[in-house]
Protein backbone atom coordinates (compact mmCIF):
# COMPACT_ATOMS: atom_id res chain seq x y z
CA MET A 1 -0.52 21.52 20.16
CA THR A 2 -1.49 18.15 19.82
CA ARG A 3 1.93 15.77 19.57
CA LEU A 4 1.95 13.19 17.30
CA ALA A 5 4.22 9.76 16.68
CA LEU A 6 4.56 9.07 13.06
CA ILE A 7 5.16 4.84 13.34
CA ALA A 8 6.89 4.76 9.52
CA GLY A 9 7.74 1.88 7.72
CA GLN A 10 9.08 1.35 4.31
CA GLY A 11 8.82 3.48 1.10
CA ASP A 12 8.35 6.46 0.52
CA LEU A 13 4.86 7.04 2.27
CA PRO A 14 6.79 8.19 5.65
CA GLY A 15 9.01 11.21 3.73
CA VAL A 16 5.82 12.67 2.18
CA LEU A 17 4.27 13.01 5.49
CA ALA A 18 7.57 14.28 7.46
CA ASN A 19 7.08 16.88 4.72
CA ALA A 20 3.48 17.73 5.46
CA LEU A 21 4.46 17.89 9.03
CA SER A 22 6.89 20.08 9.03
CA GLY A 23 5.87 23.20 11.59
CA ARG A 24 4.03 20.32 14.23
CA ASP A 25 4.94 18.77 16.96
CA TRP A 26 6.27 15.54 15.99
CA PHE A 27 8.66 12.33 15.69
CA ALA A 28 9.05 9.35 14.16
CA CYS A 29 9.31 5.56 15.04
CA HIS A 30 10.11 2.83 13.24
CA LEU A 31 10.48 -1.22 13.80
CA ASP A 32 14.43 -1.87 14.89
CA GLY A 33 16.22 -3.09 11.95
CA HIS A 34 14.45 -1.15 9.38
CA ALA A 35 14.57 2.26 9.83
CA PRO A 36 12.40 4.67 7.59
CA GLN A 37 13.72 6.57 4.37
CA ALA A 38 13.80 10.14 4.01
CA VAL A 39 12.60 10.90 8.04
CA GLY A 40 15.75 12.06 9.65
CA GLN A 41 15.90 10.89 13.21
CA SER A 42 13.63 7.77 14.12
CA ARG A 43 13.51 5.78 17.62
CA PRO A 44 13.71 2.09 17.00
CA PHE A 45 11.06 -0.10 18.28
CA ARG A 46 10.94 -3.75 19.09
CA VAL A 47 7.41 -5.70 19.09
CA GLU A 48 8.71 -7.64 21.67
CA GLN A 49 8.70 -4.00 24.05
CA LEU A 50 5.02 -2.85 22.66
CA GLY A 51 3.68 -2.30 26.17
CA SER A 52 7.06 -0.45 26.85
CA PHE A 53 7.05 1.55 23.87
CA ILE A 54 3.57 2.76 24.65
CA GLU A 55 4.65 4.03 28.09
CA ASN A 56 7.05 5.84 26.47
CA LEU A 57 5.28 7.77 24.08
CA ARG A 58 2.58 8.61 26.75
CA ALA A 59 5.12 9.90 28.71
CA ASP A 60 6.69 11.79 25.50
CA GLY A 61 3.20 13.40 25.52
CA VAL A 62 1.82 11.82 22.44
CA VAL A 63 -1.56 12.03 21.79
CA GLU A 64 -1.99 11.32 17.79
CA VAL A 65 -0.62 7.83 15.98
CA CYS A 66 0.11 7.73 12.49
CA PHE A 67 0.65 4.39 10.39
CA ALA A 68 2.61 4.96 7.75
CA GLY A 69 5.09 2.70 5.08
CA ALA A 70 5.59 -1.04 4.74
CA ILE A 71 6.36 -3.23 7.58
CA VAL A 72 7.72 -6.39 7.33
CA ARG A 73 5.96 -8.94 10.08
CA PRO A 74 9.29 -9.68 12.82
CA THR A 75 9.79 -12.71 13.88
CA LEU A 76 8.89 -12.67 17.64
CA ASP A 77 11.88 -13.33 20.65
CA PRO A 78 10.02 -15.06 23.43
CA ALA A 79 13.34 -14.03 25.62
CA ALA A 80 12.89 -10.81 24.49
CA ILE A 81 9.34 -9.67 25.95
CA ASP A 82 8.95 -7.61 28.98
CA HIS A 83 6.95 -7.39 31.69
CA ALA A 84 4.49 -4.19 29.99
CA THR A 85 4.50 -6.01 26.88
CA GLN A 86 3.53 -9.87 28.50
CA PRO A 87 -0.16 -8.74 28.83
CA LEU A 88 -0.71 -7.76 25.44
CA MET A 89 0.98 -11.07 24.03
CA ALA A 90 -2.02 -13.04 23.17
CA ARG A 91 -3.29 -10.11 20.66
CA ILE A 92 -0.24 -9.54 19.19
CA SER A 93 0.46 -13.45 18.57
CA ALA A 94 -3.01 -13.50 16.57
CA ALA A 95 -2.70 -10.37 14.84
CA MET A 96 0.96 -11.73 13.50
CA ALA A 97 -1.11 -15.12 12.24
CA SER A 98 -4.07 -13.27 10.70
CA GLY A 99 -4.42 -11.27 7.05
CA ASP A 100 -3.13 -7.65 6.81
CA ASP A 101 -6.28 -6.15 7.61
CA ALA A 102 -7.15 -8.41 10.38
CA ALA A 103 -3.58 -7.85 11.70
CA LEU A 104 -4.07 -4.18 11.16
CA ARG A 105 -7.28 -3.93 13.43
CA ALA A 106 -5.45 -5.71 16.31
CA VAL A 107 -2.85 -3.00 16.31
CA VAL A 108 -4.86 -0.44 16.22
CA THR A 109 -7.00 -1.91 18.78
CA ILE A 110 -3.95 -1.59 20.78
CA PHE A 111 -3.32 1.43 20.32
CA GLU A 112 -6.70 2.83 20.81
CA LYS A 113 -7.44 0.96 24.18
CA ALA A 114 -3.93 2.82 25.17
CA GLY A 115 -5.70 6.21 24.62
CA PHE A 116 -3.91 7.32 21.23
CA ARG A 117 -6.05 8.59 18.65
CA ILE A 118 -5.10 6.82 14.71
CA ILE A 119 -5.47 8.95 12.17
CA GLY A 120 -4.46 8.36 8.21
CA ALA A 121 -1.93 9.68 6.28
CA ALA A 122 -4.58 11.22 4.07
CA ASP A 123 -5.78 13.35 7.22
CA ILE A 124 -2.41 14.86 7.21
CA ALA A 125 -1.62 15.28 3.62
CA PRO A 126 -5.28 15.21 1.96
CA SER A 127 -3.63 16.05 -1.76
CA LEU A 128 -2.46 12.72 -1.63
CA LEU A 129 -6.06 11.97 -2.74
CA ASP A 130 -5.97 14.19 -5.59
CA LEU A 131 -5.99 11.94 -8.75
CA PRO A 132 -4.09 13.10 -12.31
CA LEU A 133 -7.00 12.31 -14.16
CA VAL A 134 -5.96 11.16 -17.99
CA GLY A 135 -7.38 9.96 -20.97
CA GLU A 136 -10.93 8.54 -22.55
CA LEU A 137 -12.00 5.19 -21.71
CA SER A 138 -13.45 2.80 -24.40
CA ASP A 139 -16.87 0.54 -23.94
CA ALA A 140 -14.58 -2.26 -23.86
CA GLN A 141 -12.08 -1.21 -20.87
CA MET A 142 -15.46 0.26 -19.29
CA SER A 143 -16.45 -3.43 -19.05
CA ASP A 144 -13.14 -4.49 -17.79
CA ILE A 145 -13.74 -1.85 -14.89
CA SER A 146 -17.04 -3.28 -13.84
CA ARG A 147 -15.57 -6.92 -14.20
CA ALA A 148 -12.21 -5.98 -12.09
CA ALA A 149 -14.74 -4.35 -9.85
CA GLU A 150 -16.75 -7.44 -8.96
CA ILE A 151 -13.30 -9.54 -8.84
CA HIS A 152 -12.36 -7.49 -5.93
CA ALA A 153 -15.86 -7.29 -4.41
CA GLY A 154 -15.51 -11.03 -4.32
CA LEU A 155 -11.97 -11.29 -2.91
CA ALA A 156 -12.33 -8.66 -0.08
CA PRO A 157 -14.13 -10.44 2.40
CA LEU A 158 -10.79 -13.37 2.03
CA ASP A 159 -8.20 -10.31 3.10
CA VAL A 160 -6.12 -11.43 -0.14
CA GLY A 161 -5.51 -7.63 -1.95
CA GLN A 162 -5.98 -4.55 -3.19
CA ALA A 163 -6.14 -4.93 -6.65
CA CYS A 164 -6.32 -7.24 -10.06
CA VAL A 165 -5.65 -6.98 -13.76
CA VAL A 166 -8.34 -7.94 -15.90
CA ALA A 167 -8.45 -8.08 -19.98
CA SER A 168 -11.01 -8.25 -22.18
CA GLY A 169 -12.94 -9.48 -19.30
CA GLN A 170 -10.33 -11.95 -18.54
CA VAL A 171 -8.63 -12.17 -14.92
CA LEU A 172 -4.72 -11.76 -15.48
CA ALA A 173 -3.54 -11.47 -11.96
CA ILE A 174 -4.79 -10.58 -8.35
CA GLU A 175 -3.01 -9.10 -5.74
CA ALA A 176 -1.83 -11.16 -2.37
CA LEU A 177 1.19 -11.35 -0.42
CA PRO A 178 4.20 -10.88 -2.48
CA GLY A 179 3.08 -7.45 -3.22
CA THR A 180 2.01 -4.98 -6.31
CA ASP A 181 5.48 -5.12 -7.88
CA TRP A 182 5.49 -8.60 -7.83
CA MET A 183 2.00 -8.97 -9.82
CA LEU A 184 2.59 -6.94 -12.60
CA THR A 185 6.03 -7.54 -12.82
CA SER A 186 4.41 -11.48 -13.47
CA LEU A 187 2.55 -10.15 -16.74
CA ALA A 188 5.79 -8.09 -17.68
CA LEU A 189 6.11 -8.04 -21.63
CA PRO A 190 8.97 -8.32 -23.87
CA GLY A 191 9.30 -5.56 -26.67
CA PRO A 192 8.23 -2.12 -27.43
CA ARG A 193 5.86 -1.29 -24.69
CA GLY A 194 8.73 -2.64 -21.61
CA PRO A 195 10.50 -1.65 -20.64
CA VAL A 196 9.71 1.86 -19.92
CA PRO A 197 12.54 4.30 -18.34
CA THR A 198 11.32 4.94 -14.75
CA GLY A 199 13.43 7.79 -13.39
CA GLY A 200 12.56 7.00 -10.09
CA THR A 201 11.34 4.11 -8.14
CA PHE A 202 8.25 3.81 -5.43
CA ASP A 203 7.55 1.42 -3.10
CA PHE A 204 4.17 0.32 -2.65
CA LEU A 205 2.19 0.25 0.65
CA GLY A 206 0.14 -1.85 2.64
CA GLY A 207 -1.45 -4.83 0.62
CA ALA A 208 0.39 -7.12 -1.21
CA ALA A 209 -0.03 -9.31 -4.40
CA ASP A 210 0.16 -12.39 -6.18
CA TRP A 211 0.13 -13.48 -9.52
CA LEU A 212 -2.33 -16.22 -11.12
CA SER A 213 -0.74 -16.06 -14.06
CA GLY A 214 1.44 -14.42 -16.87
CA GLY A 215 2.54 -13.42 -19.76
CA ALA A 216 6.36 -13.93 -20.86
CA GLN A 217 7.57 -14.38 -17.64
CA PRO A 218 10.78 -13.64 -15.78
CA GLY A 219 12.24 -17.02 -14.18
CA GLY A 220 11.32 -18.97 -17.34
CA LEU A 221 8.00 -19.20 -16.52
CA PRO A 222 5.69 -20.31 -19.81
CA ALA A 223 4.03 -17.55 -21.73
CA PHE A 224 0.11 -17.69 -22.15
CA ASP A 225 -1.85 -16.65 -24.90
CA ARG A 226 -3.50 -13.30 -23.49
CA PRO A 227 -5.57 -10.75 -24.19
CA LYS A 228 -4.25 -7.71 -25.53
CA GLY A 229 -4.40 -4.54 -23.40
CA GLY A 230 -6.32 -4.89 -19.92
CA ILE A 231 -6.41 -2.56 -16.87
CA PHE A 232 -5.03 -2.15 -13.49
CA PHE A 233 -7.68 -1.90 -11.02
CA LYS A 234 -7.01 -0.79 -7.26
CA ALA A 235 -9.52 -0.21 -4.49
CA SER A 236 -10.00 -0.42 -1.04
CA LYS A 237 -11.57 -3.14 1.00
CA PRO A 238 -15.29 -3.09 2.53
CA GLY A 239 -14.29 -2.36 6.24
CA GLN A 240 -10.76 -1.87 5.84
CA ASP A 241 -9.16 0.59 7.99
CA LEU A 242 -8.38 3.63 5.68
CA ARG A 243 -6.57 4.95 8.93
CA VAL A 244 -3.50 2.62 8.52
CA ASP A 245 -3.44 1.47 5.09
CA LEU A 246 -5.14 3.25 2.29
CA PRO A 247 -4.46 1.82 -0.59
CA THR A 248 -1.35 3.87 -2.87
CA ILE A 249 0.16 3.87 -6.20
CA GLY A 250 3.35 6.08 -7.41
CA PRO A 251 4.99 6.56 -10.91
CA GLU A 252 6.52 3.28 -10.59
CA THR A 253 3.18 1.70 -10.68
CA VAL A 254 2.26 3.74 -14.10
CA THR A 255 5.96 1.77 -15.64
CA ARG A 256 5.23 -1.67 -14.39
CA CYS A 257 1.59 -1.17 -15.94
CA ALA A 258 3.18 -0.27 -19.14
CA ALA A 259 5.87 -2.67 -19.02
CA ALA A 260 2.73 -5.52 -18.70
CA GLY A 261 1.11 -4.41 -22.03
CA LEU A 262 -1.90 -2.35 -19.93
CA ASP A 263 -3.88 0.27 -21.12
CA GLY A 264 -4.24 1.78 -17.96
CA LEU A 265 -5.23 2.27 -14.21
CA VAL A 266 -8.51 2.59 -12.60
CA LEU A 267 -8.25 3.67 -8.91
CA GLU A 268 -11.00 4.15 -6.09
CA LYS A 269 -12.17 7.74 -5.95
CA GLY A 270 -11.17 8.91 -2.79
CA ARG A 271 -9.25 5.93 -1.16
CA VAL A 272 -6.11 5.37 -3.06
CA MET A 273 -3.32 7.87 -2.05
CA VAL A 274 -1.12 9.03 -5.10
CA LEU A 275 2.69 9.77 -4.31
CA ASP A 276 4.14 12.24 -6.27
CA ARG A 277 1.45 12.88 -8.64
CA GLU A 278 3.28 15.40 -10.68
CA GLY A 279 5.85 12.29 -11.16
CA VAL A 280 2.36 9.84 -12.01
CA ALA A 281 1.35 12.53 -14.61
CA ALA A 282 4.46 12.76 -16.13
CA ARG A 283 4.71 9.00 -16.69
CA LEU A 284 0.94 8.94 -17.93
CA LYS A 285 1.94 11.12 -20.10
CA ALA A 286 5.32 9.47 -21.45
CA THR A 287 3.63 5.81 -21.90
CA GLY A 288 0.56 6.49 -23.03
CA LEU A 289 -1.79 4.72 -20.30
CA PHE A 290 -4.95 6.12 -19.09
CA LEU A 291 -5.65 6.91 -15.06
CA ALA A 292 -9.40 6.85 -14.69
CA ALA A 293 -11.46 7.22 -11.23
CA TRP A 294 -14.09 4.59 -9.77
CA SER A 295 -16.94 4.90 -7.42
CA PRO A 296 -18.67 1.52 -6.13
């Protein structure tokens, strides 16, 4: 049986994959100081010893590698770089200074050149791509989807993020480094639609998010006269390596969209993972938000 190493980051995805890998020959590894949750035992490694780590994976008979979960970029300690990693440092340093997509491509290249086959989370658990579609869309919401897709396509070459929020044709927020949580929280509204009881918290993968403007904002930021409703749009970026950075949502995404006063979520069909599909469906029902699929 092919042996697999799960390079596990933060969030719920590594735990979901650990359950899906039951019965397979596999083990988990994590960046030192960032042990994953719900995975059980996991081997730590440091980027400064990545060369030795790769050699150890080979010695352990690993053939496949899967990256899952958010990984914080560490501060490198030049004194900790070992002999086996020294030849990789030019590529590692370039990756650390790049955007998300470029950094991931550099890491994947290092592992592929070492002879490993990179597989995606959806290859291990295909059901993650099943969308719990709910609700019907109005003409205005369909128009907002077209606008969001246009914005997403325009930002994609800049390696900014995977999501944006649009209402009445106006762009309320875009994803960048701080993450989806940050983007949606910046739009959180007071009053009857927020906050919504969560019943759990989901972390988010990959990607990242910034806000350009927000409604009754946390931290004393000024409110603005924003359009009512709106959609949360999330899709993969053209050329993105979907084996290592597939866009992801969970029940908490729905909760934050409701708290932000949005009408629903629009996800790219077959290219956005849903963690806890039943939980997402229940949260959609509780909040009254729709979830629609979009295809380029």
